[in-house]
Protein backbone atom coordinates (compact mmCIF):
# COMPACT_ATOMS: atom_id res chain seq x y z
CA MET A 1 98.23 -10.47 38.98
CA ILE A 2 95.26 -8.34 37.70
CA HIS A 3 96.39 -4.17 37.24
CA ASP A 4 94.28 -2.05 38.29
CA ILE A 5 93.55 0.39 35.92
CA PRO A 6 90.55 2.67 35.69
CA LYS A 7 88.14 1.60 32.69
CA PRO A 8 87.58 4.13 30.35
CA GLU A 9 86.08 6.67 29.07
CA ILE A 10 83.11 6.28 26.48
CA SER A 11 81.53 7.91 23.78
CA ALA A 12 77.64 8.17 24.02
CA ASP A 13 78.26 7.75 20.16
CA PHE A 14 79.79 4.89 20.61
CA THR A 15 83.30 4.63 18.41
CA ILE A 16 86.05 2.78 16.53
CA ASP A 17 87.78 4.49 18.91
CA ASP A 18 85.72 3.16 22.23
CA ILE A 19 86.31 -0.04 21.32
CA ARG A 20 90.28 0.92 21.41
CA LYS A 21 90.19 1.81 24.08
CA ILE A 22 88.35 -1.14 25.82
CA ARG A 23 90.37 -3.80 24.01
CA ASP A 24 93.25 -1.31 25.40
CA TRP A 25 92.11 -1.75 28.67
CA HIS A 26 91.07 -5.03 28.73
CA TYR A 27 95.00 -5.81 27.38
CA GLU A 28 96.35 -4.09 30.10
CA ILE A 29 95.10 -5.36 33.45
CA LEU A 30 95.19 -9.07 32.29
CA LYS A 31 98.52 -9.14 30.59
CA ASP A 32 100.40 -10.65 33.23
CA ALA A 33 97.22 -12.76 35.35
CA THR A 34 96.72 -16.08 35.72
CA ASN A 35 94.50 -18.53 33.71
CA GLU A 36 92.55 -18.14 37.01
CA GLU A 37 92.61 -14.54 37.93
CA GLN A 38 90.92 -14.32 33.61
CA ILE A 39 88.13 -16.34 34.72
CA ASP A 40 87.65 -14.63 37.83
CA PHE A 41 87.58 -11.57 35.82
CA TYR A 42 85.21 -12.34 33.28
CA HIS A 43 82.79 -13.37 35.72
CA ARG A 44 81.95 -10.39 37.84
CA GLU A 45 82.33 -8.29 34.27
CA SER A 46 79.40 -10.95 32.49
CA GLU A 47 77.84 -10.31 36.54
CA ASP A 48 77.49 -6.94 36.44
CA GLY A 49 76.45 -6.80 32.54
CA ARG A 50 73.90 -9.29 33.67
CA ARG A 51 72.40 -7.04 36.32
CA ALA A 52 72.03 -4.13 34.23
CA ILE A 53 70.27 -5.84 31.64
CA GLU A 54 67.93 -7.63 34.21
CA GLU A 55 67.66 -3.89 35.72
CA ILE A 56 67.04 -2.53 32.05
CA ARG A 57 64.23 -5.23 31.02
CA ARG A 58 62.49 -3.98 34.98
CA SER A 59 62.44 -0.45 34.24
CA LYS A 60 60.75 -1.26 30.74
CA GLU A 61 58.32 -3.50 32.88
CA VAL A 62 57.22 -0.15 34.90
CA LYS A 63 57.10 1.55 32.50
CA ALA A 64 54.25 -0.08 31.05
CA VAL A 65 52.44 -0.72 33.23
């Protein structure tokens, strides 16, 4: 079971404390998850990351034109 815990607040400077917050958050939401739930979670998160990267690339292309 994946726990419903909100994502941690990340500072603009991205510090060591932010990394700890993310690690703790991952541990807490996935500690009771099955292997399939973990795979689904990481697949969903990676898709969100890919979309964000594509948006950044598109915005850079628009600015370059």
